[in-house]
Protein backbone atom coordinates (compact mmCIF):
# COMPACT_ATOMS: atom_id res chain seq x y z
CA MET A 1 60.37 -79.40 34.67
CA LYS A 2 60.27 -82.66 32.81
CA PRO A 3 61.65 -82.38 29.25
CA ALA A 4 58.39 -83.59 27.70
CA ASN A 5 56.40 -80.94 29.57
CA GLN A 6 58.98 -78.30 28.70
CA LYS A 7 58.52 -79.09 24.99
CA LYS A 8 54.73 -78.90 25.35
CA LEU A 9 54.98 -75.60 27.16
CA GLN A 10 57.30 -74.16 24.53
CA LYS A 11 54.91 -75.20 21.74
CA HIS A 12 51.93 -73.59 23.50
CA LEU A 13 53.85 -70.43 24.32
CA GLN A 14 54.89 -70.06 20.69
CA ALA A 15 51.22 -70.30 19.69
CA VAL A 16 50.28 -67.71 22.31
CA ALA A 17 53.09 -65.43 21.13
CA LYS A 18 51.79 -65.59 17.55
CA ILE A 19 48.30 -64.61 18.68
CA LEU A 20 49.57 -61.74 20.82
CA TYR A 21 51.78 -60.53 17.96
CA GLN A 22 48.77 -60.48 15.63
CA GLU A 23 46.87 -58.38 18.16
CA ALA A 24 49.72 -55.93 18.82
CA GLU A 25 49.77 -52.44 17.39
CA THR A 26 52.36 -52.51 14.60
CA LYS A 27 53.69 -49.05 15.44
CA GLU A 28 54.38 -50.20 19.02
CA LEU A 29 56.71 -52.92 17.74
CA GLU A 30 59.16 -50.50 16.12
CA SER A 31 61.29 -50.00 19.23
CA LEU A 32 62.56 -52.17 22.05
CA ALA A 33 60.66 -50.03 24.55
CA GLY A 34 57.44 -50.42 22.56
CA ILE A 35 57.90 -54.19 22.33
CA GLU A 36 58.56 -54.41 26.06
CA LYS A 37 55.50 -52.28 26.87
CA THR A 38 53.31 -54.35 24.54
CA ILE A 39 54.47 -57.64 26.03
CA ARG A 40 54.00 -56.37 29.59
CA THR A 41 50.53 -55.00 28.85
CA GLN A 42 49.35 -58.14 27.07
CA THR A 43 50.78 -60.38 29.79
CA LEU A 44 49.00 -58.45 32.53
CA GLU A 45 45.74 -58.24 30.60
CA TYR A 46 45.45 -61.74 29.12
CA ILE A 47 47.93 -64.21 30.58
CA THR A 48 48.30 -63.43 34.27
CA PRO A 49 44.56 -63.48 35.04
CA GLU A 50 44.22 -66.94 33.47
CA LEU A 51 47.15 -68.26 35.50
CA GLY A 52 45.65 -66.75 38.62
CA VAL A 53 42.31 -68.46 38.03
CA PHE A 54 44.02 -71.79 37.43
CA PHE A 55 46.08 -71.62 40.61
CA SER A 56 43.12 -70.36 42.62
CA LYS A 57 40.98 -73.30 41.51
CA LYS A 58 43.84 -75.74 42.14
CA GLN A 59 44.31 -74.35 45.65
CA GLN A 60 40.58 -74.66 46.36
CA GLU A 61 40.61 -78.28 45.17
CA LEU A 62 43.45 -79.09 47.54
CA HIS A 63 41.67 -77.57 50.55
CA TYR A 64 38.26 -79.11 49.93
CA CYS A 65 39.27 -82.65 48.96
């Protein structure tokens, strides 16, 4: 990844992390297992579907252009 894009990605991921932290159950963040479960759950619920939609649309654009 180009360094400029890596910096952009890091900035956006930090913003996403802040939002997800604000939405997390505080009691779940008291242990490493709880943190891991929270991150996994939030990633599957909010992040992965958005990435899937993006790549699906990109793939469709490549096939129909």
